[in-house]
Amino acid sequence: MGRIAAGVEYDGSGFAGWQYQNGQRTVQDSLQAALSSIANHPVGVITAGRTDAGVHAACQVVHFDVDADRKPYQWLRGTNTLLPDDISLLWLKETAEDFHARFTAINRSYRYIVLNRTTPPALHRGKVGWYRRSLDEVTMRAACAPLIGVHDFSSFRASGCQAKSPVRNLERISIGRYANWIWFDMVANAFLQHMVRNIVGTLIAVGAGERSVQWPEEVLGARDRRLAGVTAPPDGLYLTSISYPERYRLPADVAEIRYW
């Protein structure tokens, strides 16, 4: 049949991350097992970006190559029947042989959601971050502005990050608020490991009044992870969309996550 692109949604709470790990429950392993059963031969899946343990995806994009002749609806329905309840195949489409979920992506979008109130979440436990002290979103917006653009983000990468270069183009950061809900939206050509969570942790320190509005810019310039804020928990982080060149004609499946 050739190369297939697909959109995948998952609740990361019960997974040790995206990437296959021997003896661990991962999204990749679960998806490959279901697809292989439908194809009747082993199927390997390439993803646009690996998510860490506990991180969710509203629309992860993958591709895989198959020999089996199945119609798209057969792949979709059959695979979802075999997948666990915390993974759903959103869409599936035959695509060009030169499509690559990772290398042809233009950018990635993430959203981090924080419940900002004195009491912890019960209904949304494991699905949002939580911060008990009052946060000033106006101050955080001012603090994040210098981070936009092409920079060395060494101060915001995990110590175990395997990326060859710490330079990334952070195209956009926006911070919204509704009542006790605060969300951080970030778009970049690619992200370093823990980059979103480390930026959020740094901005929260500013929003809580613990650090100055100039501090994130100073941390960025220092290129030293030890100087940045704490890493925000994975619970509130969602991979929301991946953008590709128009020639591939993939579904515009940009999820809008709301909890109010």
Protein backbone atom coordinates (compact mmCIF):
# COMPACT_ATOMS: atom_id res chain seq x y z
CA MET A 1 0.00 0.00 0.00
CA GLY A 2 2.92 2.35 0.66
CA ARG A 3 3.35 5.15 3.18
CA ILE A 4 0.58 6.23 5.53
CA ALA A 5 0.37 9.32 7.74
CA ALA A 6 -1.85 9.32 10.82
CA GLY A 7 -2.93 11.57 13.68
CA VAL A 8 -2.92 10.10 17.19
CA GLU A 9 -4.46 11.31 20.44
CA TYR A 10 -3.39 9.90 23.79
CA ASP A 11 -3.58 10.36 27.52
CA GLY A 12 0.03 10.08 28.64
CA SER A 13 -0.75 9.44 32.30
CA GLY A 14 -0.36 5.67 32.06
CA PHE A 15 2.64 5.56 29.72
CA ALA A 16 6.39 5.70 30.21
CA GLY A 17 6.49 8.14 27.29
CA TRP A 18 6.17 7.78 23.53
CA GLN A 19 9.33 5.85 22.67
CA TYR A 20 9.56 2.08 22.97
CA GLN A 21 11.29 0.94 26.16
CA ASN A 22 11.75 -2.73 26.90
CA GLY A 23 9.44 -3.81 29.70
CA GLN A 24 7.64 -0.45 29.86
CA ARG A 25 4.19 0.53 28.60
CA THR A 26 4.71 3.10 25.84
CA VAL A 27 2.52 4.74 23.22
CA GLN A 28 4.76 3.61 20.36
CA ASP A 29 4.65 -0.03 21.44
CA SER A 30 0.85 -0.02 21.82
CA LEU A 31 0.28 1.65 18.45
CA GLN A 32 2.72 -0.61 16.60
CA ALA A 33 1.12 -3.72 18.07
CA ALA A 34 -2.35 -2.68 16.91
CA LEU A 35 -1.20 -1.65 13.42
CA SER A 36 0.84 -4.83 12.99
CA SER A 37 -2.22 -6.91 13.79
CA ILE A 38 -4.31 -5.14 11.13
CA ALA A 39 -1.47 -5.29 8.57
CA ASN A 40 -0.69 -8.93 9.36
CA HIS A 41 3.00 -8.05 9.35
CA PRO A 42 5.31 -6.04 11.66
CA VAL A 43 4.78 -2.26 11.42
CA GLY A 44 7.27 0.32 12.69
CA VAL A 45 6.01 3.82 13.44
CA ILE A 46 7.97 7.08 13.05
CA THR A 47 6.72 10.03 15.08
CA ALA A 48 6.94 13.80 14.71
CA GLY A 49 8.26 14.17 18.24
CA ARG A 50 8.80 12.01 21.30
CA THR A 51 6.78 12.93 24.36
CA ASP A 52 7.96 12.15 27.89
CA ALA A 53 6.25 10.06 30.53
CA GLY A 54 2.96 11.63 31.61
CA VAL A 55 2.76 14.06 28.66
CA HIS A 56 -0.39 14.00 26.53
CA ALA A 57 -1.08 14.54 22.83
CA ALA A 58 -4.14 16.09 21.23
CA CYS A 59 -2.73 15.37 17.78
CA GLN A 60 0.58 13.58 17.44
CA VAL A 61 1.52 12.79 13.83
CA VAL A 62 3.17 9.55 12.72
CA HIS A 63 3.96 7.71 9.52
CA PHE A 64 4.46 4.05 8.71
CA ASP A 65 5.05 1.85 5.67
CA VAL A 66 2.89 -1.20 4.94
CA ASP A 67 2.47 -3.88 2.30
CA ALA A 68 -1.10 -4.76 3.26
CA ASP A 69 -3.92 -3.55 1.02
CA ARG A 70 -6.48 -1.98 3.33
CA LYS A 71 -8.85 0.92 2.87
CA PRO A 72 -8.27 3.93 5.16
CA TYR A 73 -11.49 3.32 7.11
CA GLN A 74 -10.40 -0.28 7.70
CA TRP A 75 -7.10 0.89 9.15
CA LEU A 76 -8.86 3.47 11.30
CA ARG A 77 -11.66 1.32 12.69
CA GLY A 78 -9.60 -1.81 13.02
CA THR A 79 -6.70 -0.12 14.79
CA ASN A 80 -8.95 1.75 17.23
CA THR A 81 -10.67 -1.53 18.10
CA LEU A 82 -7.30 -2.96 19.15
CA LEU A 83 -5.85 0.11 20.86
CA PRO A 84 -6.16 0.65 24.63
CA ASP A 85 -8.71 3.20 25.80
CA ASP A 86 -6.07 5.89 26.39
CA ILE A 87 -4.99 6.02 22.71
CA SER A 88 -7.14 6.95 19.71
CA LEU A 89 -6.26 7.07 16.04
CA LEU A 90 -7.85 10.34 14.85
CA TRP A 91 -7.27 10.16 11.10
CA LEU A 92 -5.27 8.22 8.57
CA LYS A 93 -4.22 9.06 5.01
CA GLU A 94 -2.08 7.60 2.25
CA THR A 95 0.74 10.04 1.59
CA ALA A 96 3.78 10.64 -0.61
CA GLU A 97 6.85 8.46 -0.22
CA ASP A 98 8.95 11.50 0.72
CA PHE A 99 6.69 12.41 3.66
CA HIS A 100 8.44 12.02 6.99
CA ALA A 101 6.57 12.71 10.23
CA ARG A 102 9.67 14.19 11.86
CA PHE A 103 11.86 15.65 9.11
CA THR A 104 9.19 17.26 6.91
CA ALA A 105 7.42 18.96 9.84
CA ILE A 106 7.46 22.77 9.73
CA ASN A 107 6.77 23.34 13.42
CA ARG A 108 5.28 21.84 16.58
CA SER A 109 2.76 23.36 18.99
CA TYR A 110 2.39 22.63 22.69
CA ARG A 111 0.00 23.83 25.36
CA TYR A 112 0.66 23.72 29.10
CA ILE A 113 -2.39 24.09 31.35
CA VAL A 114 -2.21 25.26 34.97
CA LEU A 115 -4.99 25.27 37.55
CA ASN A 116 -4.19 28.30 39.69
CA ARG A 117 -6.06 27.98 42.98
CA THR A 118 -5.30 27.10 46.58
CA THR A 119 -6.76 23.59 46.42
CA PRO A 120 -5.45 20.75 44.18
CA PRO A 121 -7.46 19.32 41.27
CA ALA A 122 -9.61 16.24 41.73
CA LEU A 123 -11.61 16.08 38.50
CA HIS A 124 -8.58 16.97 36.35
CA ARG A 125 -5.91 15.21 38.38
CA GLY A 126 -3.13 14.03 36.08
CA LYS A 127 -4.39 16.26 33.24
CA VAL A 128 -3.27 19.72 34.40
CA GLY A 129 -0.49 21.36 36.34
CA TRP A 130 -1.38 22.99 39.66
CA TYR A 131 0.03 26.05 41.43
CA ARG A 132 -1.44 27.22 44.72
CA ARG A 133 -0.07 30.79 44.87
CA SER A 134 -1.70 33.54 42.82
CA LEU A 135 -0.07 34.08 39.41
CA ASP A 136 0.03 37.35 37.46
CA GLU A 137 -0.40 36.47 33.78
CA VAL A 138 0.32 40.06 32.65
CA THR A 139 3.79 39.93 34.21
CA MET A 140 4.44 36.51 32.73
CA ARG A 141 3.53 37.78 29.25
CA ALA A 142 6.08 40.56 29.57
CA ALA A 143 8.71 38.14 30.88
CA CYS A 144 8.35 35.64 28.03
CA ALA A 145 8.71 38.15 25.16
CA PRO A 146 12.57 38.03 25.02
CA LEU A 147 12.45 34.24 24.60
CA ILE A 148 10.77 34.49 21.21
CA GLY A 149 13.06 34.02 18.22
CA VAL A 150 16.16 31.98 17.39
CA HIS A 151 18.22 31.36 20.53
CA ASP A 152 20.46 28.90 22.28
CA PHE A 153 18.02 27.33 24.77
CA SER A 154 20.63 25.43 26.80
CA SER A 155 19.20 26.91 30.00
CA PHE A 156 15.87 25.22 29.28
CA ARG A 157 16.96 21.78 28.12
CA ALA A 158 17.07 18.60 30.19
CA SER A 159 20.49 17.31 31.21
CA GLY A 160 19.81 14.09 29.29
CA CYS A 161 18.64 15.84 26.11
CA GLN A 162 20.13 14.13 23.05
CA ALA A 163 19.61 16.95 20.55
CA LYS A 164 22.80 17.81 18.67
CA SER A 165 22.18 21.56 18.90
CA PRO A 166 20.47 23.65 21.62
CA VAL A 167 19.46 26.31 19.08
CA ARG A 168 15.74 26.50 18.36
CA ASN A 169 13.37 28.99 16.77
CA LEU A 170 10.64 29.69 19.30
CA GLU A 171 8.13 31.29 16.96
CA ARG A 172 5.43 32.18 19.46
CA ILE A 173 4.53 32.15 23.16
CA SER A 174 1.10 33.24 24.29
CA ILE A 175 -0.40 33.12 27.76
CA GLY A 176 -4.15 33.09 28.34
CA ARG A 177 -6.35 33.05 31.39
CA TYR A 178 -9.95 32.25 32.25
CA ALA A 179 -10.88 32.33 35.95
CA ASN A 180 -8.48 29.89 37.68
CA TRP A 181 -7.18 28.40 34.43
CA ILE A 182 -3.94 29.60 32.84
CA TRP A 183 -2.51 28.17 29.64
CA PHE A 184 0.84 28.63 27.91
CA ASP A 185 0.91 28.05 24.13
CA MET A 186 4.27 27.65 22.40
CA VAL A 187 5.15 27.08 18.75
CA ALA A 188 8.68 26.25 17.54
CA ASN A 189 10.43 24.55 14.68
CA ALA A 190 11.37 21.89 17.24
CA PHE A 191 11.68 21.62 21.01
CA LEU A 192 14.45 20.36 23.27
CA GLN A 193 13.66 17.78 25.94
CA HIS A 194 11.75 19.44 28.81
CA MET A 195 12.05 22.82 27.06
CA VAL A 196 8.36 23.75 27.40
CA ARG A 197 8.14 22.55 30.99
CA ASN A 198 11.33 24.39 31.99
CA ILE A 199 10.13 27.63 30.39
CA VAL A 200 6.77 27.29 32.16
CA GLY A 201 8.48 26.66 35.50
CA THR A 202 10.62 29.74 34.99
CA LEU A 203 7.67 31.95 34.03
CA ILE A 204 5.64 30.73 37.00
CA ALA A 205 8.40 31.94 39.33
CA VAL A 206 7.98 35.39 37.75
CA GLY A 207 4.18 35.26 37.90
CA ALA A 208 4.33 34.38 41.60
CA GLY A 209 6.55 37.39 42.33
CA GLU A 210 9.55 35.27 43.25
CA ARG A 211 11.66 36.59 40.37
CA SER A 212 11.89 39.77 38.32
CA VAL A 213 10.33 40.21 34.90
CA GLN A 214 13.86 40.39 33.43
CA TRP A 215 14.92 37.07 34.94
CA PRO A 216 13.91 34.69 32.07
CA GLU A 217 15.96 36.75 29.61
CA GLU A 218 18.94 36.60 31.96
CA VAL A 219 18.52 32.83 32.32
CA LEU A 220 18.35 32.44 28.53
CA GLY A 221 21.60 34.36 28.08
CA ALA A 222 23.41 32.36 30.76
CA ARG A 223 22.99 29.06 28.86
CA ASP A 224 23.04 27.21 32.16
CA ARG A 225 20.15 24.94 33.17
CA ARG A 226 21.03 25.29 36.85
CA LEU A 227 19.92 28.94 36.79
CA ALA A 228 16.41 28.37 35.43
CA GLY A 229 13.21 27.56 37.30
CA VAL A 230 11.98 24.13 38.30
CA THR A 231 10.65 21.75 35.65
CA ALA A 232 6.86 21.92 35.60
CA PRO A 233 5.17 18.51 36.07
CA PRO A 234 4.26 16.58 32.89
CA ASP A 235 0.55 16.43 33.79
CA GLY A 236 -0.35 19.76 32.19
CA LEU A 237 1.58 19.38 28.92
CA TYR A 238 -0.12 18.60 25.60
CA LEU A 239 1.33 18.26 22.13
CA THR A 240 -1.47 20.03 20.26
CA SER A 241 -0.48 19.99 16.59
CA ILE A 242 2.23 19.50 13.97
CA SER A 243 2.36 21.61 10.80
CA TYR A 244 3.47 20.28 7.40
CA PRO A 245 3.83 21.69 3.88
CA GLU A 246 0.50 22.10 2.08
CA ARG A 247 1.55 19.66 -0.67
CA TYR A 248 0.96 16.71 1.67
CA ARG A 249 -2.67 17.75 2.22
CA LEU A 250 -2.92 16.36 5.71
CA PRO A 251 -6.03 17.04 7.80
CA ALA A 252 -5.92 20.34 9.68
CA ASP A 253 -6.60 18.62 12.97
CA VAL A 254 -5.65 21.35 15.43
CA ALA A 255 -7.24 20.49 18.74
CA GLU A 256 -8.41 23.21 21.10
CA ILE A 257 -8.09 22.01 24.65
CA ARG A 258 -10.41 23.57 27.22
CA TYR A 259 -11.21 22.68 30.80
CA TRP A 260 -13.88 25.25 31.58
